[in-house]
Amino acid sequence: MLSADLLRGELRFLIDGMPVVTGLFLPSEAASFVLAQWRVLAGRLEVTGKLTGKKLVDELRRVSVSADPHLMAEVVERAQAISAIDAEIARLESRVNETIYRLHDLTLDEIAIVEAATR
């Protein structure tokens, strides 16, 4: 799973929770703008055998660092809205899964097998 975060002013890009791009410090507005773009990129990139480190870094470097202030604010706002929607979807999927597990009377071991198979 690809993701991006901003930790103590440092932009980071992560794969399965492990930072793979670090050490990028930008002014606050630019950092939020780049973070928003990286998060969108993380959501649309597919992790396959074709995704090399070079290709990933090339994609990350293609984002804009600055733009019209109103555009930057809009991008950040839209990315936050997408994150909120994604979190709500994950919450609802979890509730649906719990309901299905209960309806099928699955044991904890069976649930673990199902969840491992769907990752």
C-alpha atoms as a PDB file:
ATOM      1  CA  MET A   1       0.000   0.000   0.000  1.00  0.00           C
ATOM      2  CA  LEU A   2       1.358   3.380  -0.994  1.00  0.00           C
ATOM      3  CA  SER A   3       0.860   6.453   1.164  1.00  0.00           C
ATOM      4  CA  ALA A   4       2.344   9.840   1.957  1.00  0.00           C
ATOM      5  CA  ASP A   5       2.589  11.852   5.138  1.00  0.00           C
ATOM      6  CA  LEU A   6       3.994  15.023   6.608  1.00  0.00           C
ATOM      7  CA  LEU A   7       5.787  14.371   9.890  1.00  0.00           C
ATOM      8  CA  ARG A   8       7.357  17.269  11.803  1.00  0.00           C
ATOM      9  CA  GLY A   9       7.703  19.240   8.570  1.00  0.00           C
ATOM     10  CA  GLU A  10       9.218  16.339   6.615  1.00  0.00           C
ATOM     11  CA  LEU A  11       7.420  15.005   3.546  1.00  0.00           C
ATOM     12  CA  ARG A  12       7.631  11.232   3.314  1.00  0.00           C
ATOM     13  CA  PHE A  13       6.382   8.652   0.843  1.00  0.00           C
ATOM     14  CA  LEU A  14       5.739   5.187   2.233  1.00  0.00           C
ATOM     15  CA  ILE A  15       5.257   1.663   0.945  1.00  0.00           C
ATOM     16  CA  ASP A  16       3.421  -0.598   3.390  1.00  0.00           C
ATOM     17  CA  GLY A  17       4.127   1.923   6.130  1.00  0.00           C
ATOM     18  CA  MET A  18       7.878   1.994   5.489  1.00  0.00           C
ATOM     19  CA  PRO A  19       9.329   5.364   4.411  1.00  0.00           C
ATOM     20  CA  VAL A  20      11.035   5.106   1.027  1.00  0.00           C
ATOM     21  CA  VAL A  21      11.364   8.802   0.248  1.00  0.00           C
ATOM     22  CA  THR A  22      12.370  11.062   3.124  1.00  0.00           C
ATOM     23  CA  GLY A  23      14.276  14.238   3.879  1.00  0.00           C
ATOM     24  CA  LEU A  24      12.094  16.640   1.909  1.00  0.00           C
ATOM     25  CA  PHE A  25      11.409  19.841   3.850  1.00  0.00           C
ATOM     26  CA  LEU A  26       9.378  22.571   2.157  1.00  0.00           C
ATOM     27  CA  PRO A  27       7.602  25.696   3.392  1.00  0.00           C
ATOM     28  CA  SER A  28       4.262  24.824   4.997  1.00  0.00           C
ATOM     29  CA  GLU A  29       2.006  25.801   2.064  1.00  0.00           C
ATOM     30  CA  ALA A  30       4.177  24.004  -0.488  1.00  0.00           C
ATOM     31  CA  ALA A  31       4.470  20.928   1.738  1.00  0.00           C
ATOM     32  CA  SER A  32       0.681  20.663   2.076  1.00  0.00           C
ATOM     33  CA  PHE A  33       0.301  21.094  -1.692  1.00  0.00           C
ATOM     34  CA  VAL A  34       2.886  18.408  -2.521  1.00  0.00           C
ATOM     35  CA  LEU A  35       1.452  16.089   0.143  1.00  0.00           C
ATOM     36  CA  ALA A  36      -2.019  16.383  -1.408  1.00  0.00           C
ATOM     37  CA  GLN A  37      -0.630  15.485  -4.828  1.00  0.00           C
ATOM     38  CA  TRP A  38       1.445  12.600  -3.453  1.00  0.00           C
ATOM     39  CA  ARG A  39      -1.625  11.169  -1.738  1.00  0.00           C
ATOM     40  CA  VAL A  40      -3.573  11.250  -4.988  1.00  0.00           C
ATOM     41  CA  LEU A  41      -0.616   9.603  -6.711  1.00  0.00           C
ATOM     42  CA  ALA A  42      -0.439   6.940  -3.996  1.00  0.00           C
ATOM     43  CA  GLY A  43      -4.089   6.153  -4.603  1.00  0.00           C
ATOM     44  CA  ARG A  44      -3.750   5.709  -8.334  1.00  0.00           C
ATOM     45  CA  LEU A  45      -0.374   3.973  -8.708  1.00  0.00           C
ATOM     46  CA  GLU A  46      -0.503   0.213  -8.898  1.00  0.00           C
ATOM     47  CA  VAL A  47       2.175  -1.765  -7.107  1.00  0.00           C
ATOM     48  CA  THR A  48       3.294  -4.327  -9.651  1.00  0.00           C
ATOM     49  CA  GLY A  49       6.566  -5.800 -10.814  1.00  0.00           C
ATOM     50  CA  LYS A  50       6.759  -2.911 -13.273  1.00  0.00           C
ATOM     51  CA  LEU A  51       6.859  -0.264 -10.535  1.00  0.00           C
ATOM     52  CA  THR A  52      10.556   0.321 -10.027  1.00  0.00           C
ATOM     53  CA  GLY A  53      12.111   2.729  -7.573  1.00  0.00           C
ATOM     54  CA  LYS A  54      13.140   4.964 -10.453  1.00  0.00           C
ATOM     55  CA  LYS A  55       9.611   5.051 -11.872  1.00  0.00           C
ATOM     56  CA  LEU A  56       8.171   5.864  -8.440  1.00  0.00           C
ATOM     57  CA  VAL A  57      10.629   8.695  -7.844  1.00  0.00           C
ATOM     58  CA  ASP A  58      10.024  10.038 -11.365  1.00  0.00           C
ATOM     59  CA  GLU A  59       6.274  10.129 -10.641  1.00  0.00           C
ATOM     60  CA  LEU A  60       6.828  11.862  -7.297  1.00  0.00           C
ATOM     61  CA  ARG A  61       9.090  14.474  -8.893  1.00  0.00           C
ATOM     62  CA  ARG A  62       6.477  15.350 -11.531  1.00  0.00           C
ATOM     63  CA  VAL A  63       4.161  17.042  -9.031  1.00  0.00           C
ATOM     64  CA  SER A  64       4.058  20.819  -8.808  1.00  0.00           C
ATOM     65  CA  VAL A  65       5.726  22.477  -5.850  1.00  0.00           C
ATOM     66  CA  SER A  66       3.891  25.757  -6.288  1.00  0.00           C
ATOM     67  CA  ALA A  67       0.956  27.264  -8.144  1.00  0.00           C
ATOM     68  CA  ASP A  68      -1.554  30.042  -7.768  1.00  0.00           C
ATOM     69  CA  PRO A  69      -2.365  30.236  -4.022  1.00  0.00           C
ATOM     70  CA  HIS A  70      -6.076  29.700  -4.673  1.00  0.00           C
ATOM     71  CA  LEU A  71      -5.343  26.610  -6.766  1.00  0.00           C
ATOM     72  CA  MET A  72      -2.996  25.252  -4.091  1.00  0.00           C
ATOM     73  CA  ALA A  73      -5.656  25.735  -1.428  1.00  0.00           C
ATOM     74  CA  GLU A  74      -8.276  24.051  -3.623  1.00  0.00           C
ATOM     75  CA  VAL A  75      -6.037  21.034  -4.280  1.00  0.00           C
ATOM     76  CA  VAL A  76      -5.318  20.632  -0.566  1.00  0.00           C
ATOM     77  CA  GLU A  77      -9.012  21.007   0.298  1.00  0.00           C
ATOM     78  CA  ARG A  78     -10.073  18.440  -2.318  1.00  0.00           C
ATOM     79  CA  ALA A  79      -7.398  15.983  -1.170  1.00  0.00           C
ATOM     80  CA  GLN A  80      -8.644  16.312   2.415  1.00  0.00           C
ATOM     81  CA  ALA A  81     -12.196  15.665   1.238  1.00  0.00           C
ATOM     82  CA  ILE A  82     -11.026  12.574  -0.642  1.00  0.00           C
ATOM     83  CA  SER A  83      -9.228  11.335   2.487  1.00  0.00           C
ATOM     84  CA  ALA A  84     -12.372  11.803   4.552  1.00  0.00           C
ATOM     85  CA  ILE A  85     -14.452   9.918   1.978  1.00  0.00           C
ATOM     86  CA  ASP A  86     -11.865   7.112   1.814  1.00  0.00           C
ATOM     87  CA  ALA A  87     -11.955   6.801   5.615  1.00  0.00           C
ATOM     88  CA  GLU A  88     -15.766   6.607   5.562  1.00  0.00           C
ATOM     89  CA  ILE A  89     -15.665   3.948   2.838  1.00  0.00           C
ATOM     90  CA  ALA A  90     -13.169   1.905   4.878  1.00  0.00           C
ATOM     91  CA  ARG A  91     -15.382   2.218   7.962  1.00  0.00           C
ATOM     92  CA  LEU A  92     -18.472   1.101   6.042  1.00  0.00           C
ATOM     93  CA  GLU A  93     -16.605  -1.781   4.370  1.00  0.00           C
ATOM     94  CA  SER A  94     -15.505  -2.946   7.793  1.00  0.00           C
ATOM     95  CA  ARG A  95     -19.102  -2.891   9.053  1.00  0.00           C
ATOM     96  CA  VAL A  96     -20.299  -4.818   5.991  1.00  0.00           C
ATOM     97  CA  ASN A  97     -17.540  -7.391   6.451  1.00  0.00           C
ATOM     98  CA  GLU A  98     -18.399  -7.819  10.142  1.00  0.00           C
ATOM     99  CA  THR A  99     -22.045  -8.349   9.214  1.00  0.00           C
ATOM    100  CA  ILE A 100     -21.149 -10.939   6.582  1.00  0.00           C
ATOM    101  CA  TYR A 101     -18.840 -12.754   8.992  1.00  0.00           C
ATOM    102  CA  ARG A 102     -21.610 -12.837  11.579  1.00  0.00           C
ATOM    103  CA  LEU A 103     -24.243 -14.014   9.072  1.00  0.00           C
ATOM    104  CA  HIS A 104     -21.967 -16.849   7.961  1.00  0.00           C
ATOM    105  CA  ASP A 105     -20.996 -17.581  11.573  1.00  0.00           C
ATOM    106  CA  LEU A 106     -17.273 -17.484  10.748  1.00  0.00           C
ATOM    107  CA  THR A 107     -14.690 -18.257  13.401  1.00  0.00           C
ATOM    108  CA  LEU A 108     -11.769 -15.915  14.068  1.00  0.00           C
ATOM    109  CA  ASP A 109      -9.485 -18.298  12.143  1.00  0.00           C
ATOM    110  CA  GLU A 110     -11.837 -18.280   9.144  1.00  0.00           C
ATOM    111  CA  ILE A 111     -12.047 -14.491   9.247  1.00  0.00           C
ATOM    112  CA  ALA A 112      -8.247 -14.290   9.264  1.00  0.00           C
ATOM    113  CA  ILE A 113      -8.082 -16.513   6.192  1.00  0.00           C
ATOM    114  CA  VAL A 114     -10.658 -14.399   4.336  1.00  0.00           C
ATOM    115  CA  GLU A 115      -8.926 -11.130   5.225  1.00  0.00           C
ATOM    116  CA  ALA A 116      -5.489 -12.472   4.271  1.00  0.00           C
ATOM    117  CA  ALA A 117      -6.845 -13.568   0.898  1.00  0.00           C
ATOM    118  CA  THR A 118      -8.325 -10.152   0.153  1.00  0.00           C
ATOM    119  CA  ARG A 119      -5.202  -8.091   0.860  1.00  0.00           C
END
